[in-house]
Amino acid sequence: MPLELEEAATIDGCTQAATFFRIVFPILQPVVITVLILNGIWIWNGYLLPLMVLSSNGIVKTLPLAVQSFVGSYVKQWDLILTATFMAMLPVIVLFLFAQKYIIKGMVEGSIK
């Protein structure tokens, strides 16, 4: 981001906060949205940390742990596993479809001048 934009906003009488929220943040919006989406997907799919942190009595579970609970030593309930997997993926797919424009724009933002 060019420093001249911030300097021009200062000359026009903007405070530092106004410069950030009116000039800098709208320019960085695709990058911020891309980071939020990718980190959200990373957290949404978390398995190992919730497995270690959450209690083992099964009251509180994340979606991947709930899907894993349908798998036993001798029985695998494939209909429940596939349904739970689809339901766990559905919000991420919907989010991706609505935010696809921002993801692509944020990934290529620094490569094109």
PDB file of N, CA and C in Angstrom:
ATOM      1  N   MET A   1       0.838  -1.170   0.000  1.00  0.00           N
ATOM      2  CA  MET A   1       0.000   0.000   0.000  1.00  0.00           C
ATOM      3  C   MET A   1       0.889   1.242   0.000  1.00  0.00           C
ATOM      4  N   PRO A   2       0.682   2.138  -0.905  1.00  0.00           N
ATOM      5  CA  PRO A   2       1.540   3.320  -0.996  1.00  0.00           C
ATOM      6  C   PRO A   2       1.372   4.253   0.209  1.00  0.00           C
ATOM      7  N   LEU A   3       2.482   4.737   0.705  1.00  0.00           N
ATOM      8  CA  LEU A   3       2.491   5.664   1.835  1.00  0.00           C
ATOM      9  C   LEU A   3       1.908   7.020   1.439  1.00  0.00           C
ATOM     10  N   GLU A   4       1.937   7.329   0.152  1.00  0.00           N
ATOM     11  CA  GLU A   4       1.411   8.612  -0.319  1.00  0.00           C
ATOM     12  C   GLU A   4      -0.080   8.763  -0.052  1.00  0.00           C
ATOM     13  N   LEU A   5      -0.820   7.641  -0.045  1.00  0.00           N
ATOM     14  CA  LEU A   5      -2.252   7.712   0.250  1.00  0.00           C
ATOM     15  C   LEU A   5      -2.490   8.172   1.688  1.00  0.00           C
ATOM     16  N   GLU A   6      -1.705   7.633   2.604  1.00  0.00           N
ATOM     17  CA  GLU A   6      -1.837   8.046   4.001  1.00  0.00           C
ATOM     18  C   GLU A   6      -1.411   9.505   4.180  1.00  0.00           C
ATOM     19  N   GLU A   7      -0.365   9.905   3.499  1.00  0.00           N
ATOM     20  CA  GLU A   7       0.082  11.295   3.590  1.00  0.00           C
ATOM     21  C   GLU A   7      -0.957  12.248   3.015  1.00  0.00           C
ATOM     22  N   ALA A   8      -1.585  11.865   1.919  1.00  0.00           N
ATOM     23  CA  ALA A   8      -2.620  12.712   1.324  1.00  0.00           C
ATOM     24  C   ALA A   8      -3.825  12.845   2.250  1.00  0.00           C
ATOM     25  N   ALA A   9      -4.180  11.757   2.941  1.00  0.00           N
ATOM     26  CA  ALA A   9      -5.291  11.824   3.893  1.00  0.00           C
ATOM     27  C   ALA A   9      -4.937  12.727   5.069  1.00  0.00           C
ATOM     28  N   THR A  10      -3.689  12.699   5.520  1.00  0.00           N
ATOM     29  CA  THR A  10      -3.253  13.563   6.615  1.00  0.00           C
ATOM     30  C   THR A  10      -3.303  15.030   6.181  1.00  0.00           C
ATOM     31  N   ILE A  11      -2.873  15.317   4.974  1.00  0.00           N
ATOM     32  CA  ILE A  11      -2.915  16.687   4.458  1.00  0.00           C
ATOM     33  C   ILE A  11      -4.366  17.173   4.346  1.00  0.00           C
ATOM     34  N   ASP A  12      -5.275  16.255   3.987  1.00  0.00           N
ATOM     35  CA  ASP A  12      -6.689  16.619   3.869  1.00  0.00           C
ATOM     36  C   ASP A  12      -7.373  16.769   5.220  1.00  0.00           C
ATOM     37  N   GLY A  13      -6.673  16.469   6.305  1.00  0.00           N
ATOM     38  CA  GLY A  13      -7.225  16.688   7.635  1.00  0.00           C
ATOM     39  C   GLY A  13      -7.755  15.457   8.338  1.00  0.00           C
ATOM     40  N   CYS A  14      -7.465  14.280   7.859  1.00  0.00           N
ATOM     41  CA  CYS A  14      -7.920  13.057   8.522  1.00  0.00           C
ATOM     42  C   CYS A  14      -7.030  12.747   9.718  1.00  0.00           C
ATOM     43  N   THR A  15      -7.642  12.210  10.761  1.00  0.00           N
ATOM     44  CA  THR A  15      -6.863  11.715  11.892  1.00  0.00           C
ATOM     45  C   THR A  15      -6.303  10.346  11.509  1.00  0.00           C
ATOM     46  N   GLN A  16      -5.481   9.786  12.391  1.00  0.00           N
ATOM     47  CA  GLN A  16      -4.918   8.469  12.097  1.00  0.00           C
ATOM     48  C   GLN A  16      -6.004   7.407  12.038  1.00  0.00           C
ATOM     49  N   ALA A  17      -6.978   7.505  12.949  1.00  0.00           N
ATOM     50  CA  ALA A  17      -8.067   6.524  12.940  1.00  0.00           C
ATOM     51  C   ALA A  17      -8.915   6.662  11.678  1.00  0.00           C
ATOM     52  N   ALA A  18      -9.228   7.893  11.285  1.00  0.00           N
ATOM     53  CA  ALA A  18     -10.013   8.108  10.070  1.00  0.00           C
ATOM     54  C   ALA A  18      -9.249   7.642   8.838  1.00  0.00           C
ATOM     55  N   THR A  19      -7.954   7.874   8.816  1.00  0.00           N
ATOM     56  CA  THR A  19      -7.132   7.401   7.698  1.00  0.00           C
ATOM     57  C   THR A  19      -7.184   5.887   7.598  1.00  0.00           C
ATOM     58  N   PHE A  20      -7.103   5.229   8.740  1.00  0.00           N
ATOM     59  CA  PHE A  20      -7.130   3.764   8.718  1.00  0.00           C
ATOM     60  C   PHE A  20      -8.478   3.240   8.243  1.00  0.00           C
ATOM     61  N   PHE A  21      -9.570   3.745   8.819  1.00  0.00           N
ATOM     62  CA  PHE A  21     -10.882   3.186   8.507  1.00  0.00           C
ATOM     63  C   PHE A  21     -11.446   3.660   7.176  1.00  0.00           C
ATOM     64  N   ARG A  22     -11.021   4.820   6.660  1.00  0.00           N
ATOM     65  CA  ARG A  22     -11.546   5.321   5.390  1.00  0.00           C
ATOM     66  C   ARG A  22     -10.643   5.042   4.198  1.00  0.00           C
ATOM     67  N   ILE A  23      -9.346   4.872   4.431  1.00  0.00           N
ATOM     68  CA  ILE A  23      -8.404   4.699   3.318  1.00  0.00           C
ATOM     69  C   ILE A  23      -7.776   3.308   3.336  1.00  0.00           C
ATOM     70  N   VAL A  24      -7.111   2.977   4.422  1.00  0.00           N
ATOM     71  CA  VAL A  24      -6.303   1.756   4.483  1.00  0.00           C
ATOM     72  C   VAL A  24      -7.178   0.501   4.523  1.00  0.00           C
ATOM     73  N   PHE A  25      -8.143   0.477   5.427  1.00  0.00           N
ATOM     74  CA  PHE A  25      -8.948  -0.741   5.599  1.00  0.00           C
ATOM     75  C   PHE A  25      -9.729  -1.132   4.350  1.00  0.00           C
ATOM     76  N   PRO A  26     -10.382  -0.198   3.623  1.00  0.00           N
ATOM     77  CA  PRO A  26     -11.061  -0.623   2.390  1.00  0.00           C
ATOM     78  C   PRO A  26     -10.115  -1.194   1.337  1.00  0.00           C
ATOM     79  N   ILE A  27      -8.886  -0.698   1.292  1.00  0.00           N
ATOM     80  CA  ILE A  27      -7.924  -1.241   0.335  1.00  0.00           C
ATOM     81  C   ILE A  27      -7.489  -2.643   0.753  1.00  0.00           C
ATOM     82  N   LEU A  28      -7.338  -2.867   2.050  1.00  0.00           N
ATOM     83  CA  LEU A  28      -6.888  -4.166   2.555  1.00  0.00           C
ATOM     84  C   LEU A  28      -8.035  -5.144   2.802  1.00  0.00           C
ATOM     85  N   GLN A  29      -9.257  -4.771   2.498  1.00  0.00           N
ATOM     86  CA  GLN A  29     -10.409  -5.617   2.779  1.00  0.00           C
ATOM     87  C   GLN A  29     -10.319  -7.010   2.141  1.00  0.00           C
ATOM     88  N   PRO A  30      -9.934  -7.184   0.886  1.00  0.00           N
ATOM     89  CA  PRO A  30      -9.827  -8.540   0.339  1.00  0.00           C
ATOM     90  C   PRO A  30      -8.798  -9.400   1.087  1.00  0.00           C
ATOM     91  N   VAL A  31      -7.706  -8.797   1.499  1.00  0.00           N
ATOM     92  CA  VAL A  31      -6.677  -9.552   2.221  1.00  0.00           C
ATOM     93  C   VAL A  31      -7.194  -9.972   3.592  1.00  0.00           C
ATOM     94  N   VAL A  32      -7.849  -9.064   4.277  1.00  0.00           N
ATOM     95  CA  VAL A  32      -8.384  -9.367   5.610  1.00  0.00           C
ATOM     96  C   VAL A  32      -9.445 -10.459   5.523  1.00  0.00           C
ATOM     97  N   ILE A  33     -10.330 -10.377   4.550  1.00  0.00           N
ATOM     98  CA  ILE A  33     -11.379 -11.384   4.392  1.00  0.00           C
ATOM     99  C   ILE A  33     -10.778 -12.739   4.043  1.00  0.00           C
ATOM    100  N   THR A  34      -9.751 -12.763   3.202  1.00  0.00           N
ATOM    101  CA  THR A  34      -9.088 -14.028   2.863  1.00  0.00           C
ATOM    102  C   THR A  34      -8.471 -14.667   4.090  1.00  0.00           C
ATOM    103  N   VAL A  35      -7.788 -13.894   4.902  1.00  0.00           N
ATOM    104  CA  VAL A  35      -7.177 -14.436   6.132  1.00  0.00           C
ATOM    105  C   VAL A  35      -8.255 -14.940   7.081  1.00  0.00           C
ATOM    106  N   LEU A  36      -9.350 -14.208   7.231  1.00  0.00           N
ATOM    107  CA  LEU A  36     -10.436 -14.650   8.107  1.00  0.00           C
ATOM    108  C   LEU A  36     -11.050 -15.959   7.626  1.00  0.00           C
ATOM    109  N   ILE A  37     -11.260 -16.084   6.334  1.00  0.00           N
ATOM    110  CA  ILE A  37     -11.876 -17.296   5.800  1.00  0.00           C
ATOM    111  C   ILE A  37     -10.940 -18.491   5.941  1.00  0.00           C
ATOM    112  N   LEU A  38      -9.679 -18.321   5.585  1.00  0.00           N
ATOM    113  CA  LEU A  38      -8.743 -19.443   5.667  1.00  0.00           C
ATOM    114  C   LEU A  38      -8.507 -19.871   7.114  1.00  0.00           C
ATOM    115  N   ASN A  39      -8.394 -18.909   8.033  1.00  0.00           N
ATOM    116  CA  ASN A  39      -8.253 -19.272   9.441  1.00  0.00           C
ATOM    117  C   ASN A  39      -9.531 -19.890   9.987  1.00  0.00           C
ATOM    118  N   GLY A  40     -10.679 -19.396   9.534  1.00  0.00           N
ATOM    119  CA  GLY A  40     -11.941 -19.988   9.970  1.00  0.00           C
ATOM    120  C   GLY A  40     -12.068 -21.437   9.536  1.00  0.00           C
ATOM    121  N   ILE A  41     -11.678 -21.730   8.314  1.00  0.00           N
ATOM    122  CA  ILE A  41     -11.712 -23.116   7.837  1.00  0.00           C
ATOM    123  C   ILE A  41     -10.723 -23.968   8.619  1.00  0.00           C
ATOM    124  N   TRP A  42      -9.553 -23.417   8.918  1.00  0.00           N
ATOM    125  CA  TRP A  42      -8.552 -24.149   9.694  1.00  0.00           C
ATOM    126  C   TRP A  42      -9.094 -24.490  11.083  1.00  0.00           C
ATOM    127  N   ILE A  43      -9.740 -23.535  11.737  1.00  0.00           N
ATOM    128  CA  ILE A  43     -10.308 -23.762  13.065  1.00  0.00           C
ATOM    129  C   ILE A  43     -11.516 -24.692  12.983  1.00  0.00           C
ATOM    130  N   TRP A  44     -12.338 -24.539  11.953  1.00  0.00           N
ATOM    131  CA  TRP A  44     -13.538 -25.361  11.784  1.00  0.00           C
ATOM    132  C   TRP A  44     -13.163 -26.848  11.665  1.00  0.00           C
ATOM    133  N   ASN A  45     -12.057 -27.125  11.010  1.00  0.00           N
ATOM    134  CA  ASN A  45     -11.646 -28.502  10.787  1.00  0.00           C
ATOM    135  C   ASN A  45     -10.715 -29.034  11.866  1.00  0.00           C
ATOM    136  N   GLY A  46     -10.548 -28.314  12.959  1.00  0.00           N
ATOM    137  CA  GLY A  46      -9.638 -28.744  14.011  1.00  0.00           C
ATOM    138  C   GLY A  46     -10.039 -30.077  14.621  1.00  0.00           C
ATOM    139  N   TYR A  47      -9.083 -30.954  14.807  1.00  0.00           N
ATOM    140  CA  TYR A  47      -9.370 -32.264  15.388  1.00  0.00           C
ATOM    141  C   TYR A  47      -8.500 -32.551  16.606  1.00  0.00           C
ATOM    142  N   LEU A  48      -7.202 -32.404  16.471  1.00  0.00           N
ATOM    143  CA  LEU A  48      -6.296 -32.850  17.525  1.00  0.00           C
ATOM    144  C   LEU A  48      -6.407 -32.007  18.795  1.00  0.00           C
ATOM    145  N   LEU A  49      -6.400 -30.682  18.666  1.00  0.00           N
ATOM    146  CA  LEU A  49      -6.495 -29.829  19.846  1.00  0.00           C
ATOM    147  C   LEU A  49      -7.817 -30.013  20.590  1.00  0.00           C
ATOM    148  N   PRO A  50      -8.977 -30.011  19.915  1.00  0.00           N
ATOM    149  CA  PRO A  50     -10.209 -30.278  20.658  1.00  0.00           C
ATOM    150  C   PRO A  50     -10.239 -31.673  21.278  1.00  0.00           C
ATOM    151  N   LEU A  51      -9.612 -32.633  20.626  1.00  0.00           N
ATOM    152  CA  LEU A  51      -9.570 -33.979  21.180  1.00  0.00           C
ATOM    153  C   LEU A  51      -8.813 -33.999  22.505  1.00  0.00           C
ATOM    154  N   MET A  52      -7.729 -33.219  22.589  1.00  0.00           N
ATOM    155  CA  MET A  52      -6.935 -33.192  23.826  1.00  0.00           C
ATOM    156  C   MET A  52      -7.543 -32.284  24.882  1.00  0.00           C
ATOM    157  N   VAL A  53      -8.179 -31.179  24.467  1.00  0.00           N
ATOM    158  CA  VAL A  53      -8.629 -30.175  25.419  1.00  0.00           C
ATOM    159  C   VAL A  53     -10.007 -30.484  25.998  1.00  0.00           C
ATOM    160  N   LEU A  54     -10.942 -30.877  25.148  1.00  0.00           N
ATOM    161  CA  LEU A  54     -12.307 -31.091  25.609  1.00  0.00           C
ATOM    162  C   LEU A  54     -12.394 -32.326  26.488  1.00  0.00           C
ATOM    163  N   SER A  55     -13.379 -32.328  27.339  1.00  0.00           N
ATOM    164  CA  SER A  55     -13.521 -33.444  28.278  1.00  0.00           C
ATOM    165  C   SER A  55     -13.837 -34.730  27.534  1.00  0.00           C
ATOM    166  N   SER A  56     -13.449 -35.823  28.117  1.00  0.00           N
ATOM    167  CA  SER A  56     -13.620 -37.115  27.464  1.00  0.00           C
ATOM    168  C   SER A  56     -14.984 -37.733  27.755  1.00  0.00           C
ATOM    169  N   ASN A  57     -15.846 -37.062  28.548  1.00  0.00           N
ATOM    170  CA  ASN A  57     -17.148 -37.649  28.849  1.00  0.00           C
ATOM    171  C   ASN A  57     -18.140 -37.479  27.701  1.00  0.00           C
ATOM    172  N   GLY A  58     -17.826 -36.686  26.689  1.00  0.00           N
ATOM    173  CA  GLY A  58     -18.640 -36.596  25.488  1.00  0.00           C
ATOM    174  C   GLY A  58     -19.756 -35.579  25.531  1.00  0.00           C
ATOM    175  N   ILE A  59     -19.799 -34.727  26.527  1.00  0.00           N
ATOM    176  CA  ILE A  59     -20.862 -33.725  26.577  1.00  0.00           C
ATOM    177  C   ILE A  59     -20.635 -32.641  25.531  1.00  0.00           C
ATOM    178  N   VAL A  60     -19.410 -32.133  25.438  1.00  0.00           N
ATOM    179  CA  VAL A  60     -19.078 -31.067  24.496  1.00  0.00           C
ATOM    180  C   VAL A  60     -18.178 -31.644  23.415  1.00  0.00           C
ATOM    181  N   LYS A  61     -18.601 -31.468  22.136  1.00  0.00           N
ATOM    182  CA  LYS A  61     -17.807 -31.984  21.020  1.00  0.00           C
ATOM    183  C   LYS A  61     -17.813 -30.968  19.895  1.00  0.00           C
ATOM    184  N   THR A  62     -16.721 -30.949  19.148  1.00  0.00           N
ATOM    185  CA  THR A  62     -16.712 -30.194  17.903  1.00  0.00           C
ATOM    186  C   THR A  62     -17.252 -31.108  16.802  1.00  0.00           C
ATOM    187  N   LEU A  63     -17.466 -30.544  15.607  1.00  0.00           N
ATOM    188  CA  LEU A  63     -18.025 -31.352  14.526  1.00  0.00           C
ATOM    189  C   LEU A  63     -17.144 -32.534  14.117  1.00  0.00           C
ATOM    190  N   PRO A  64     -15.813 -32.350  13.957  1.00  0.00           N
ATOM    191  CA  PRO A  64     -15.006 -33.517  13.613  1.00  0.00           C
ATOM    192  C   PRO A  64     -15.020 -34.597  14.696  1.00  0.00           C
ATOM    193  N   LEU A  65     -15.070 -34.203  15.960  1.00  0.00           N
ATOM    194  CA  LEU A  65     -15.152 -35.205  17.027  1.00  0.00           C
ATOM    195  C   LEU A  65     -16.505 -35.898  17.026  1.00  0.00           C
ATOM    196  N   ALA A  66     -17.570 -35.180  16.687  1.00  0.00           N
ATOM    197  CA  ALA A  66     -18.892 -35.798  16.608  1.00  0.00           C
ATOM    198  C   ALA A  66     -18.958 -36.793  15.450  1.00  0.00           C
ATOM    199  N   VAL A  67     -18.325 -36.463  14.341  1.00  0.00           N
ATOM    200  CA  VAL A  67     -18.283 -37.393  13.211  1.00  0.00           C
ATOM    201  C   VAL A  67     -17.496 -38.644  13.602  1.00  0.00           C
ATOM    202  N   GLN A  68     -16.409 -38.467  14.313  1.00  0.00           N
ATOM    203  CA  GLN A  68     -15.577 -39.597  14.731  1.00  0.00           C
ATOM    204  C   GLN A  68     -16.297 -40.493  15.731  1.00  0.00           C
ATOM    205  N   SER A  69     -17.289 -39.958  16.433  1.00  0.00           N
ATOM    206  CA  SER A  69     -17.994 -40.774  17.423  1.00  0.00           C
ATOM    207  C   SER A  69     -18.868 -41.843  16.773  1.00  0.00           C
ATOM    208  N   PHE A  70     -19.128 -41.736  15.467  1.00  0.00           N
ATOM    209  CA  PHE A  70     -19.897 -42.769  14.770  1.00  0.00           C
ATOM    210  C   PHE A  70     -19.037 -43.958  14.357  1.00  0.00           C
ATOM    211  N   VAL A  71     -17.745 -43.866  14.591  1.00  0.00           N
ATOM    212  CA  VAL A  71     -16.830 -44.947  14.230  1.00  0.00           C
ATOM    213  C   VAL A  71     -16.460 -45.700  15.498  1.00  0.00           C
ATOM    214  N   GLY A  72     -16.695 -46.995  15.485  1.00  0.00           N
ATOM    215  CA  GLY A  72     -16.352 -47.826  16.636  1.00  0.00           C
ATOM    216  C   GLY A  72     -15.310 -48.845  16.255  1.00  0.00           C
ATOM    217  N   SER A  73     -14.952 -49.696  17.200  1.00  0.00           N
ATOM    218  CA  SER A  73     -13.942 -50.731  16.934  1.00  0.00           C
ATOM    219  C   SER A  73     -14.452 -51.779  15.953  1.00  0.00           C
ATOM    220  N   TYR A  74     -15.706 -52.170  16.111  1.00  0.00           N
ATOM    221  CA  TYR A  74     -16.241 -53.244  15.282  1.00  0.00           C
ATOM    222  C   TYR A  74     -17.388 -52.792  14.375  1.00  0.00           C
ATOM    223  N   VAL A  75     -17.923 -51.613  14.630  1.00  0.00           N
ATOM    224  CA  VAL A  75     -19.070 -51.136  13.868  1.00  0.00           C
ATOM    225  C   VAL A  75     -18.751 -49.763  13.296  1.00  0.00           C
ATOM    226  N   LYS A  76     -19.022 -49.615  12.031  1.00  0.00           N
ATOM    227  CA  LYS A  76     -18.913 -48.314  11.382  1.00  0.00           C
ATOM    228  C   LYS A  76     -20.261 -48.008  10.755  1.00  0.00           C
ATOM    229  N   GLN A  77     -20.899 -46.942  11.224  1.00  0.00           N
ATOM    230  CA  GLN A  77     -22.220 -46.571  10.726  1.00  0.00           C
ATOM    231  C   GLN A  77     -22.027 -45.587   9.572  1.00  0.00           C
ATOM    232  N   TRP A  78     -21.846 -46.125   8.363  1.00  0.00           N
ATOM    233  CA  TRP A  78     -21.477 -45.296   7.228  1.00  0.00           C
ATOM    234  C   TRP A  78     -22.552 -44.289   6.871  1.00  0.00           C
ATOM    235  N   ASP A  79     -23.813 -44.650   7.041  1.00  0.00           N
ATOM    236  CA  ASP A  79     -24.855 -43.682   6.722  1.00  0.00           C
ATOM    237  C   ASP A  79     -24.786 -42.467   7.638  1.00  0.00           C
ATOM    238  N   LEU A  80     -24.527 -42.673   8.922  1.00  0.00           N
ATOM    239  CA  LEU A  80     -24.404 -41.559   9.862  1.00  0.00           C
ATOM    240  C   LEU A  80     -23.095 -40.791   9.667  1.00  0.00           C
ATOM    241  N   ILE A  81     -22.025 -41.508   9.343  1.00  0.00           N
ATOM    242  CA  ILE A  81     -20.731 -40.852   9.118  1.00  0.00           C
ATOM    243  C   ILE A  81     -20.817 -39.912   7.920  1.00  0.00           C
ATOM    244  N   LEU A  82     -21.368 -40.390   6.808  1.00  0.00           N
ATOM    245  CA  LEU A  82     -21.452 -39.575   5.607  1.00  0.00           C
ATOM    246  C   LEU A  82     -22.422 -38.408   5.773  1.00  0.00           C
ATOM    247  N   THR A  83     -23.530 -38.628   6.470  1.00  0.00           N
ATOM    248  CA  THR A  83     -24.470 -37.535   6.717  1.00  0.00           C
ATOM    249  C   THR A  83     -23.851 -36.471   7.604  1.00  0.00           C
ATOM    250  N   ALA A  84     -23.186 -36.891   8.680  1.00  0.00           N
ATOM    251  CA  ALA A  84     -22.545 -35.928   9.582  1.00  0.00           C
ATOM    252  C   ALA A  84     -21.411 -35.196   8.876  1.00  0.00           C
ATOM    253  N   THR A  85     -20.662 -35.880   8.026  1.00  0.00           N
ATOM    254  CA  THR A  85     -19.589 -35.234   7.275  1.00  0.00           C
ATOM    255  C   THR A  85     -20.147 -34.188   6.319  1.00  0.00           C
ATOM    256  N   PHE A  86     -21.234 -34.525   5.638  1.00  0.00           N
ATOM    257  CA  PHE A  86     -21.862 -33.565   4.736  1.00  0.00           C
ATOM    258  C   PHE A  86     -22.376 -32.346   5.493  1.00  0.00           C
ATOM    259  N   MET A  87     -23.009 -32.575   6.636  1.00  0.00           N
ATOM    260  CA  MET A  87     -23.531 -31.460   7.425  1.00  0.00           C
ATOM    261  C   MET A  87     -22.407 -30.604   8.011  1.00  0.00           C
ATOM    262  N   ALA A  88     -21.257 -31.207   8.293  1.00  0.00           N
ATOM    263  CA  ALA A  88     -20.115 -30.440   8.791  1.00  0.00           C
ATOM    264  C   ALA A  88     -19.473 -29.623   7.671  1.00  0.00           C
ATOM    265  N   MET A  89     -19.528 -30.119   6.447  1.00  0.00           N
ATOM    266  CA  MET A  89     -18.935 -29.403   5.319  1.00  0.00           C
ATOM    267  C   MET A  89     -19.841 -28.316   4.762  1.00  0.00           C
ATOM    268  N   LEU A  90     -21.126 -28.431   4.937  1.00  0.00           N
ATOM    269  CA  LEU A  90     -22.087 -27.537   4.309  1.00  0.00           C
ATOM    270  C   LEU A  90     -21.882 -26.054   4.647  1.00  0.00           C
ATOM    271  N   PRO A  91     -21.677 -25.660   5.916  1.00  0.00           N
ATOM    272  CA  PRO A  91     -21.465 -24.230   6.180  1.00  0.00           C
ATOM    273  C   PRO A  91     -20.202 -23.675   5.532  1.00  0.00           C
ATOM    274  N   VAL A  92     -19.148 -24.462   5.468  1.00  0.00           N
ATOM    275  CA  VAL A  92     -17.903 -24.008   4.855  1.00  0.00           C
ATOM    276  C   VAL A  92     -18.092 -23.854   3.349  1.00  0.00           C
ATOM    277  N   ILE A  93     -18.813 -24.752   2.724  1.00  0.00           N
ATOM    278  CA  ILE A  93     -19.068 -24.655   1.286  1.00  0.00           C
ATOM    279  C   ILE A  93     -19.914 -23.424   0.972  1.00  0.00           C
ATOM    280  N   VAL A  94     -20.951 -23.176   1.766  1.00  0.00           N
ATOM    281  CA  VAL A  94     -21.791 -21.997   1.560  1.00  0.00           C
ATOM    282  C   VAL A  94     -20.974 -20.724   1.754  1.00  0.00           C
ATOM    283  N   LEU A  95     -20.142 -20.688   2.793  1.00  0.00           N
ATOM    284  CA  LEU A  95     -19.285 -19.530   3.032  1.00  0.00           C
ATOM    285  C   LEU A  95     -18.342 -19.301   1.855  1.00  0.00           C
ATOM    286  N   PHE A  96     -17.768 -20.371   1.340  1.00  0.00           N
ATOM    287  CA  PHE A  96     -16.862 -20.248   0.204  1.00  0.00           C
ATOM    288  C   PHE A  96     -17.586 -19.714  -1.023  1.00  0.00           C
ATOM    289  N   LEU A  97     -18.796 -20.192  -1.279  1.00  0.00           N
ATOM    290  CA  LEU A  97     -19.529 -19.736  -2.456  1.00  0.00           C
ATOM    291  C   LEU A  97     -19.852 -18.245  -2.370  1.00  0.00           C
ATOM    292  N   PHE A  98     -20.183 -17.747  -1.172  1.00  0.00           N
ATOM    293  CA  PHE A  98     -20.487 -16.332  -1.030  1.00  0.00           C
ATOM    294  C   PHE A  98     -19.231 -15.467  -0.998  1.00  0.00           C
ATOM    295  N   ALA A  99     -18.122 -15.997  -0.523  1.00  0.00           N
ATOM    296  CA  ALA A  99     -16.913 -15.190  -0.364  1.00  0.00           C
ATOM    297  C   ALA A  99     -15.834 -15.524  -1.387  1.00  0.00           C
ATOM    298  N   GLN A 100     -16.166 -16.278  -2.418  1.00  0.00           N
ATOM    299  CA  GLN A 100     -15.187 -16.703  -3.416  1.00  0.00           C
ATOM    300  C   GLN A 100     -14.508 -15.513  -4.082  1.00  0.00           C
ATOM    301  N   LYS A 101     -15.253 -14.472  -4.365  1.00  0.00           N
ATOM    302  CA  LYS A 101     -14.703 -13.284  -5.016  1.00  0.00           C
ATOM    303  C   LYS A 101     -13.595 -12.666  -4.159  1.00  0.00           C
ATOM    304  N   TYR A 102     -13.830 -12.575  -2.846  1.00  0.00           N
ATOM    305  CA  TYR A 102     -12.846 -11.979  -1.945  1.00  0.00           C
ATOM    306  C   TYR A 102     -11.626 -12.880  -1.756  1.00  0.00           C
ATOM    307  N   ILE A 103     -11.846 -14.185  -1.751  1.00  0.00           N
ATOM    308  CA  ILE A 103     -10.716 -15.114  -1.593  1.00  0.00           C
ATOM    309  C   ILE A 103      -9.761 -14.983  -2.770  1.00  0.00           C
ATOM    310  N   ILE A 104     -10.281 -15.042  -3.982  1.00  0.00           N
ATOM    311  CA  ILE A 104      -9.433 -14.948  -5.173  1.00  0.00           C
ATOM    312  C   ILE A 104      -8.767 -13.578  -5.243  1.00  0.00           C
ATOM    313  N   LYS A 105      -9.526 -12.527  -4.961  1.00  0.00           N
ATOM    314  CA  LYS A 105      -8.981 -11.175  -5.006  1.00  0.00           C
ATOM    315  C   LYS A 105      -7.884 -10.988  -3.964  1.00  0.00           C
ATOM    316  N   GLY A 106      -8.064 -11.561  -2.774  1.00  0.00           N
ATOM    317  CA  GLY A 106      -7.067 -11.419  -1.718  1.00  0.00           C
ATOM    318  C   GLY A 106      -5.802 -12.216  -1.978  1.00  0.00           C
ATOM    319  N   MET A 107      -5.921 -13.340  -2.670  1.00  0.00           N
ATOM    320  CA  MET A 107      -4.742 -14.160  -2.937  1.00  0.00           C
ATOM    321  C   MET A 107      -3.852 -13.558  -4.006  1.00  0.00           C
ATOM    322  N   VAL A 108      -4.427 -12.831  -4.942  1.00  0.00           N
ATOM    323  CA  VAL A 108      -3.635 -12.266  -6.023  1.00  0.00           C
ATOM    324  C   VAL A 108      -3.375 -10.778  -5.818  1.00  0.00           C
ATOM    325  N   GLU A 109      -3.781 -10.224  -4.698  1.00  0.00           N
ATOM    326  CA  GLU A 109      -3.667  -8.776  -4.454  1.00  0.00           C
ATOM    327  C   GLU A 109      -2.215  -8.292  -4.543  1.00  0.00           C
ATOM    328  N   GLY A 110      -1.289  -9.026  -3.969  1.00  0.00           N
ATOM    329  CA  GLY A 110       0.101  -8.555  -3.950  1.00  0.00           C
ATOM    330  C   GLY A 110       0.881  -8.874  -5.206  1.00  0.00           C
ATOM    331  N   SER A 111       0.339  -9.733  -6.081  1.00  0.00           N
ATOM    332  CA  SER A 111       1.115 -10.139  -7.247  1.00  0.00           C
ATOM    333  C   SER A 111       0.883  -9.259  -8.459  1.00  0.00           C
ATOM    334  N   ILE A 112      -0.176  -8.471  -8.475  1.00  0.00           N
ATOM    335  CA  ILE A 112      -0.495  -7.649  -9.640  1.00  0.00           C
ATOM    336  C   ILE A 112      -0.280  -6.184  -9.288  1.00  0.00           C
ATOM    337  N   LYS A 113       0.446  -5.487 -10.090  1.00  0.00           N
ATOM    338  CA  LYS A 113       0.703  -4.057  -9.848  1.00  0.00           C
ATOM    339  C   LYS A 113      -0.120  -3.231 -10.803  1.00  0.00           C
TER     340      LYS A 113
END
